[in-house]
Amino acid sequence: MQLKENNGHAEEGGHWYKPTGDTAYRIIGANGKERNTTLADARKIGLYPSTTTIIGLLQKAGLNTWLQQKVLETTLAHHRLEGESDKDYQARILDLAKNESREASSRGTMIHAIIQGYFENVYMPEKPLYVDAVVMELNEAFGEQEWLSEHSFAHQELRYGGKVDLHSKAGIVVDIKTTEKDVTQIKPFHEQI
């Protein structure tokens, strides 16, 4: 397996990797313009799918249950408006529930970026408390380590690639997850184990 540093913080379109471990999220199309890499491009130039893409093919029971709960909670919190049709009410509830899901995703992405920035020695005028908590947990679990952030890799024999949130030279790989739950109440989803 090859581990490759990715210094460019490219916006992830498709999750594709070259056999060298370099990311290939975007390519130059036939018209000379940059665009997201497609499955057809990946097949043509021999790119590997990411572990996220592969796992994405599996049903995510935990995530599906959470999304259904959000729809139910939103329905209970937002009653039908006077004169609102079934179709309009359903669309409004789904939109409100999706907004909450998008906000949680955005919050997770922001927290992830801040933790990544810390390990890449990006200047932070005010370091959030959760960064110190992450460092403390890592030190307690693994001892003092030099952590490398957001490095991409490719496994040539199995033909897949990916990016690891954090890894150490000792071979420890860490995937950062966020939640609003009390950590003592967390049970990982099957796909996270």
C-alpha atoms as a PDB file:
ATOM      1  CA  MET A   1       0.000   0.000   0.000  1.00  0.00           C
ATOM      2  CA  GLN A   2       1.332   3.457  -0.856  1.00  0.00           C
ATOM      3  CA  LEU A   3       0.592   6.498   1.307  1.00  0.00           C
ATOM      4  CA  LYS A   4       0.813   9.825  -0.461  1.00  0.00           C
ATOM      5  CA  GLU A   5       0.529  13.332   0.989  1.00  0.00           C
ATOM      6  CA  ASN A   6      -2.117  15.514  -0.584  1.00  0.00           C
ATOM      7  CA  ASN A   7      -1.176  19.162  -0.111  1.00  0.00           C
ATOM      8  CA  GLY A   8      -4.024  20.455  -2.279  1.00  0.00           C
ATOM      9  CA  HIS A   9      -7.264  20.737  -0.414  1.00  0.00           C
ATOM     10  CA  ALA A  10      -9.340  20.008  -3.504  1.00  0.00           C
ATOM     11  CA  GLU A  11     -13.071  20.004  -3.273  1.00  0.00           C
ATOM     12  CA  GLU A  12     -14.068  16.383  -3.457  1.00  0.00           C
ATOM     13  CA  GLY A  13     -16.219  15.580  -6.464  1.00  0.00           C
ATOM     14  CA  GLY A  14     -15.755  11.894  -7.186  1.00  0.00           C
ATOM     15  CA  HIS A  15     -13.572   9.888  -4.857  1.00  0.00           C
ATOM     16  CA  TRP A  16     -10.995   8.473  -7.264  1.00  0.00           C
ATOM     17  CA  TYR A  17      -7.305   7.702  -6.766  1.00  0.00           C
ATOM     18  CA  LYS A  18      -4.368   7.010  -9.051  1.00  0.00           C
ATOM     19  CA  PRO A  19      -2.385   3.792  -8.447  1.00  0.00           C
ATOM     20  CA  THR A  20       0.323   6.027  -6.902  1.00  0.00           C
ATOM     21  CA  GLY A  21      -2.101   7.161  -4.182  1.00  0.00           C
ATOM     22  CA  ASP A  22      -2.545  10.670  -5.599  1.00  0.00           C
ATOM     23  CA  THR A  23      -6.106  11.989  -5.640  1.00  0.00           C
ATOM     24  CA  ALA A  24      -7.906  12.241  -8.957  1.00  0.00           C
ATOM     25  CA  TYR A  25     -11.122  13.986  -7.934  1.00  0.00           C
ATOM     26  CA  ARG A  26     -11.040  16.259 -10.992  1.00  0.00           C
ATOM     27  CA  ILE A  27      -9.664  15.928 -14.515  1.00  0.00           C
ATOM     28  CA  ILE A  28      -9.342  18.085 -17.612  1.00  0.00           C
ATOM     29  CA  GLY A  29     -12.179  17.172 -19.968  1.00  0.00           C
ATOM     30  CA  ALA A  30     -12.104  16.943 -23.772  1.00  0.00           C
ATOM     31  CA  ASN A  31     -13.151  20.611 -23.926  1.00  0.00           C
ATOM     32  CA  GLY A  32     -10.022  21.618 -21.962  1.00  0.00           C
ATOM     33  CA  LYS A  33     -11.972  22.565 -18.831  1.00  0.00           C
ATOM     34  CA  GLU A  34     -11.559  21.038 -15.395  1.00  0.00           C
ATOM     35  CA  ARG A  35     -14.469  18.920 -14.145  1.00  0.00           C
ATOM     36  CA  ASN A  36     -15.329  16.200 -11.643  1.00  0.00           C
ATOM     37  CA  THR A  37     -14.017  12.751 -12.511  1.00  0.00           C
ATOM     38  CA  THR A  38     -16.733  10.310 -13.596  1.00  0.00           C
ATOM     39  CA  LEU A  39     -16.921   6.529 -13.430  1.00  0.00           C
ATOM     40  CA  ALA A  40     -16.316   6.436 -17.207  1.00  0.00           C
ATOM     41  CA  ASP A  41     -13.131   8.529 -16.737  1.00  0.00           C
ATOM     42  CA  ALA A  42     -11.972   6.258 -13.929  1.00  0.00           C
ATOM     43  CA  ARG A  43     -12.429   3.155 -16.074  1.00  0.00           C
ATOM     44  CA  LYS A  44     -10.671   4.744 -19.037  1.00  0.00           C
ATOM     45  CA  ILE A  45      -7.579   5.901 -17.132  1.00  0.00           C
ATOM     46  CA  GLY A  46      -7.389   3.123 -14.512  1.00  0.00           C
ATOM     47  CA  LEU A  47      -8.356   4.956 -11.326  1.00  0.00           C
ATOM     48  CA  TYR A  48      -9.294   3.245  -8.058  1.00  0.00           C
ATOM     49  CA  PRO A  49     -12.517   3.959  -6.145  1.00  0.00           C
ATOM     50  CA  SER A  50     -12.272   5.201  -2.579  1.00  0.00           C
ATOM     51  CA  THR A  51     -13.140   3.109   0.428  1.00  0.00           C
ATOM     52  CA  THR A  52     -15.994   5.584   0.999  1.00  0.00           C
ATOM     53  CA  THR A  53     -17.338   4.877  -2.492  1.00  0.00           C
ATOM     54  CA  ILE A  54     -17.132   1.127  -1.917  1.00  0.00           C
ATOM     55  CA  ILE A  55     -18.723   1.290   1.542  1.00  0.00           C
ATOM     56  CA  GLY A  56     -21.353   3.644   0.077  1.00  0.00           C
ATOM     57  CA  LEU A  57     -22.717   0.672  -1.856  1.00  0.00           C
ATOM     58  CA  LEU A  58     -23.728  -0.927   1.441  1.00  0.00           C
ATOM     59  CA  GLN A  59     -26.956  -0.083   3.134  1.00  0.00           C
ATOM     60  CA  LYS A  60     -26.298   2.253   6.077  1.00  0.00           C
ATOM     61  CA  ALA A  61     -28.919   1.108   8.542  1.00  0.00           C
ATOM     62  CA  GLY A  62     -27.771   3.443  11.335  1.00  0.00           C
ATOM     63  CA  LEU A  63     -27.747   6.499   9.087  1.00  0.00           C
ATOM     64  CA  ASN A  64     -31.098   5.571   7.537  1.00  0.00           C
ATOM     65  CA  THR A  65     -32.653   5.220  10.997  1.00  0.00           C
ATOM     66  CA  TRP A  66     -31.219   8.607  12.051  1.00  0.00           C
ATOM     67  CA  LEU A  67     -32.639  10.259   8.916  1.00  0.00           C
ATOM     68  CA  GLN A  68     -36.058   8.694   9.519  1.00  0.00           C
ATOM     69  CA  GLN A  69     -35.985   9.899  13.130  1.00  0.00           C
ATOM     70  CA  LYS A  70     -35.175  13.431  11.913  1.00  0.00           C
ATOM     71  CA  VAL A  71     -38.227  13.353   9.621  1.00  0.00           C
ATOM     72  CA  LEU A  72     -40.433  12.147  12.483  1.00  0.00           C
ATOM     73  CA  GLU A  73     -39.055  14.765  14.900  1.00  0.00           C
ATOM     74  CA  THR A  74     -39.545  17.489  12.298  1.00  0.00           C
ATOM     75  CA  THR A  75     -43.118  16.316  11.659  1.00  0.00           C
ATOM     76  CA  LEU A  76     -43.905  16.481  15.371  1.00  0.00           C
ATOM     77  CA  ALA A  77     -42.345  19.947  15.693  1.00  0.00           C
ATOM     78  CA  HIS A  78     -44.023  21.470  12.594  1.00  0.00           C
ATOM     79  CA  HIS A  79     -47.739  21.081  12.236  1.00  0.00           C
ATOM     80  CA  ARG A  80     -49.534  21.333   8.940  1.00  0.00           C
ATOM     81  CA  LEU A  81     -50.330  24.886   7.914  1.00  0.00           C
ATOM     82  CA  GLU A  82     -53.934  25.838   7.322  1.00  0.00           C
ATOM     83  CA  GLY A  83     -54.879  24.911   3.750  1.00  0.00           C
ATOM     84  CA  GLU A  84     -51.579  23.127   3.107  1.00  0.00           C
ATOM     85  CA  SER A  85     -51.952  20.104   0.830  1.00  0.00           C
ATOM     86  CA  ASP A  86     -50.535  16.692   1.712  1.00  0.00           C
ATOM     87  CA  LYS A  87     -47.939  17.079  -1.031  1.00  0.00           C
ATOM     88  CA  ASP A  88     -46.854  20.567   0.128  1.00  0.00           C
ATOM     89  CA  TYR A  89     -46.753  19.508   3.785  1.00  0.00           C
ATOM     90  CA  GLN A  90     -44.632  16.450   2.995  1.00  0.00           C
ATOM     91  CA  ALA A  91     -42.267  18.536   0.847  1.00  0.00           C
ATOM     92  CA  ARG A  92     -41.906  21.167   3.596  1.00  0.00           C
ATOM     93  CA  ILE A  93     -41.213  18.546   6.293  1.00  0.00           C
ATOM     94  CA  LEU A  94     -38.645  16.750   4.124  1.00  0.00           C
ATOM     95  CA  ASP A  95     -36.944  20.055   3.298  1.00  0.00           C
ATOM     96  CA  LEU A  96     -36.777  21.065   6.982  1.00  0.00           C
ATOM     97  CA  ALA A  97     -35.396  17.627   7.945  1.00  0.00           C
ATOM     98  CA  LYS A  98     -32.818  17.747   5.125  1.00  0.00           C
ATOM     99  CA  ASN A  99     -31.719  21.216   6.270  1.00  0.00           C
ATOM    100  CA  GLU A 100     -31.003  19.844   9.745  1.00  0.00           C
ATOM    101  CA  SER A 101     -29.048  16.968   8.197  1.00  0.00           C
ATOM    102  CA  ARG A 102     -27.088  19.399   5.985  1.00  0.00           C
ATOM    103  CA  GLU A 103     -26.327  21.608   9.007  1.00  0.00           C
ATOM    104  CA  ALA A 104     -25.000  18.595  10.948  1.00  0.00           C
ATOM    105  CA  SER A 105     -22.883  17.591   7.957  1.00  0.00           C
ATOM    106  CA  SER A 106     -21.528  21.133   7.544  1.00  0.00           C
ATOM    107  CA  ARG A 107     -20.727  21.332  11.262  1.00  0.00           C
ATOM    108  CA  GLY A 108     -18.881  17.999  11.051  1.00  0.00           C
ATOM    109  CA  THR A 109     -16.936  19.164   7.992  1.00  0.00           C
ATOM    110  CA  MET A 110     -15.930  22.383   9.761  1.00  0.00           C
ATOM    111  CA  ILE A 111     -14.803  20.559  12.915  1.00  0.00           C
ATOM    112  CA  HIS A 112     -12.888  18.053  10.800  1.00  0.00           C
ATOM    113  CA  ALA A 113     -11.130  20.906   8.931  1.00  0.00           C
ATOM    114  CA  ILE A 114     -10.151  22.594  12.207  1.00  0.00           C
ATOM    115  CA  ILE A 115      -8.698  19.360  13.605  1.00  0.00           C
ATOM    116  CA  GLN A 116      -6.873  18.802  10.308  1.00  0.00           C
ATOM    117  CA  GLY A 117      -5.530  22.364  10.457  1.00  0.00           C
ATOM    118  CA  TYR A 118      -4.226  21.803  13.968  1.00  0.00           C
ATOM    119  CA  PHE A 119      -2.235  18.731  12.903  1.00  0.00           C
ATOM    120  CA  GLU A 120      -0.942  20.597   9.849  1.00  0.00           C
ATOM    121  CA  ASN A 121       0.262  23.448  12.097  1.00  0.00           C
ATOM    122  CA  VAL A 122      -2.175  25.992  10.668  1.00  0.00           C
ATOM    123  CA  TYR A 123      -2.276  29.128  12.826  1.00  0.00           C
ATOM    124  CA  MET A 124      -5.414  29.360  14.965  1.00  0.00           C
ATOM    125  CA  PRO A 125      -5.958  32.584  16.902  1.00  0.00           C
ATOM    126  CA  GLU A 126      -8.377  30.712  19.180  1.00  0.00           C
ATOM    127  CA  LYS A 127      -8.096  26.939  19.304  1.00  0.00           C
ATOM    128  CA  PRO A 128     -11.464  25.294  20.067  1.00  0.00           C
ATOM    129  CA  LEU A 129     -11.561  23.151  23.227  1.00  0.00           C
ATOM    130  CA  TYR A 130     -12.414  20.006  21.262  1.00  0.00           C
ATOM    131  CA  VAL A 131      -8.964  20.129  19.593  1.00  0.00           C
ATOM    132  CA  ASP A 132      -7.294  19.716  22.989  1.00  0.00           C
ATOM    133  CA  ALA A 133      -9.762  16.923  23.798  1.00  0.00           C
ATOM    134  CA  VAL A 134      -8.810  15.094  20.569  1.00  0.00           C
ATOM    135  CA  VAL A 135      -5.093  15.461  21.320  1.00  0.00           C
ATOM    136  CA  MET A 136      -5.621  14.264  24.896  1.00  0.00           C
ATOM    137  CA  GLU A 137      -7.601  11.192  23.763  1.00  0.00           C
ATOM    138  CA  LEU A 138      -4.991  10.333  21.127  1.00  0.00           C
ATOM    139  CA  ASN A 139      -2.159  10.642  23.663  1.00  0.00           C
ATOM    140  CA  GLU A 140      -4.028   8.532  26.218  1.00  0.00           C
ATOM    141  CA  ALA A 141      -4.836   5.831  23.667  1.00  0.00           C
ATOM    142  CA  PHE A 142      -1.555   5.713  21.734  1.00  0.00           C
ATOM    143  CA  GLY A 143       1.053   7.752  23.598  1.00  0.00           C
ATOM    144  CA  GLU A 144       2.953  10.622  22.023  1.00  0.00           C
ATOM    145  CA  GLN A 145       2.890  10.213  18.231  1.00  0.00           C
ATOM    146  CA  GLU A 146       3.651  12.349  15.228  1.00  0.00           C
ATOM    147  CA  TRP A 147       0.288  12.550  13.479  1.00  0.00           C
ATOM    148  CA  LEU A 148      -0.037  13.166   9.748  1.00  0.00           C
ATOM    149  CA  SER A 149      -3.313  14.505   8.432  1.00  0.00           C
ATOM    150  CA  GLU A 150      -5.289  13.878   5.232  1.00  0.00           C
ATOM    151  CA  HIS A 151      -2.844  11.703   3.340  1.00  0.00           C
ATOM    152  CA  SER A 152      -4.142   9.740   0.389  1.00  0.00           C
ATOM    153  CA  PHE A 153      -3.200   6.157  -0.442  1.00  0.00           C
ATOM    154  CA  ALA A 154      -3.799   3.398  -2.970  1.00  0.00           C
ATOM    155  CA  HIS A 155      -3.718  -0.369  -2.548  1.00  0.00           C
ATOM    156  CA  GLN A 156      -2.534  -1.625  -5.915  1.00  0.00           C
ATOM    157  CA  GLU A 157      -3.361  -5.288  -5.416  1.00  0.00           C
ATOM    158  CA  LEU A 158      -6.931  -4.700  -4.220  1.00  0.00           C
ATOM    159  CA  ARG A 159      -7.353  -1.631  -6.469  1.00  0.00           C
ATOM    160  CA  TYR A 160      -8.887   0.887  -4.068  1.00  0.00           C
ATOM    161  CA  GLY A 161      -7.759   4.165  -2.578  1.00  0.00           C
ATOM    162  CA  GLY A 162      -8.693   6.676   0.040  1.00  0.00           C
ATOM    163  CA  LYS A 163      -7.653   9.353   2.436  1.00  0.00           C
ATOM    164  CA  VAL A 164      -7.016   8.911   6.137  1.00  0.00           C
ATOM    165  CA  ASP A 165      -7.997  11.628   8.595  1.00  0.00           C
ATOM    166  CA  LEU A 166      -4.941  10.996  10.780  1.00  0.00           C
ATOM    167  CA  HIS A 167      -2.224   8.391  10.807  1.00  0.00           C
ATOM    168  CA  SER A 168       1.057   7.897  12.583  1.00  0.00           C
ATOM    169  CA  LYS A 169       4.360   6.474  11.433  1.00  0.00           C
ATOM    170  CA  ALA A 170       3.662   3.626  13.870  1.00  0.00           C
ATOM    171  CA  GLY A 171       0.798   2.526  11.578  1.00  0.00           C
ATOM    172  CA  ILE A 172      -2.122   3.846  13.619  1.00  0.00           C
ATOM    173  CA  VAL A 173      -5.060   5.123  11.539  1.00  0.00           C
ATOM    174  CA  VAL A 174      -7.708   7.420  13.037  1.00  0.00           C
ATOM    175  CA  ASP A 175     -11.039   8.367  11.454  1.00  0.00           C
ATOM    176  CA  ILE A 176     -12.588  11.535  12.927  1.00  0.00           C
ATOM    177  CA  LYS A 177     -16.351  11.442  13.579  1.00  0.00           C
ATOM    178  CA  THR A 178     -18.529  14.133  15.143  1.00  0.00           C
ATOM    179  CA  THR A 179     -21.777  13.945  17.080  1.00  0.00           C
ATOM    180  CA  GLU A 180     -23.910  16.002  19.421  1.00  0.00           C
ATOM    181  CA  LYS A 181     -24.527  12.971  21.626  1.00  0.00           C
ATOM    182  CA  ASP A 182     -22.869  12.353  24.977  1.00  0.00           C
ATOM    183  CA  VAL A 183     -19.897  10.135  24.121  1.00  0.00           C
ATOM    184  CA  THR A 184     -20.945   7.610  26.770  1.00  0.00           C
ATOM    185  CA  GLN A 185     -24.151   7.039  24.783  1.00  0.00           C
ATOM    186  CA  ILE A 186     -22.480   6.367  21.428  1.00  0.00           C
ATOM    187  CA  LYS A 187     -22.687   3.009  19.741  1.00  0.00           C
ATOM    188  CA  PRO A 188     -20.904   2.859  16.370  1.00  0.00           C
ATOM    189  CA  PHE A 189     -22.889   1.951  13.269  1.00  0.00           C
ATOM    190  CA  HIS A 190     -22.002  -1.391  11.702  1.00  0.00           C
ATOM    191  CA  GLU A 191     -20.228   0.317   8.789  1.00  0.00           C
ATOM    192  CA  GLN A 192     -17.972   2.220  11.251  1.00  0.00           C
ATOM    193  CA  ILE A 193     -16.532  -0.876  12.910  1.00  0.00           C
END
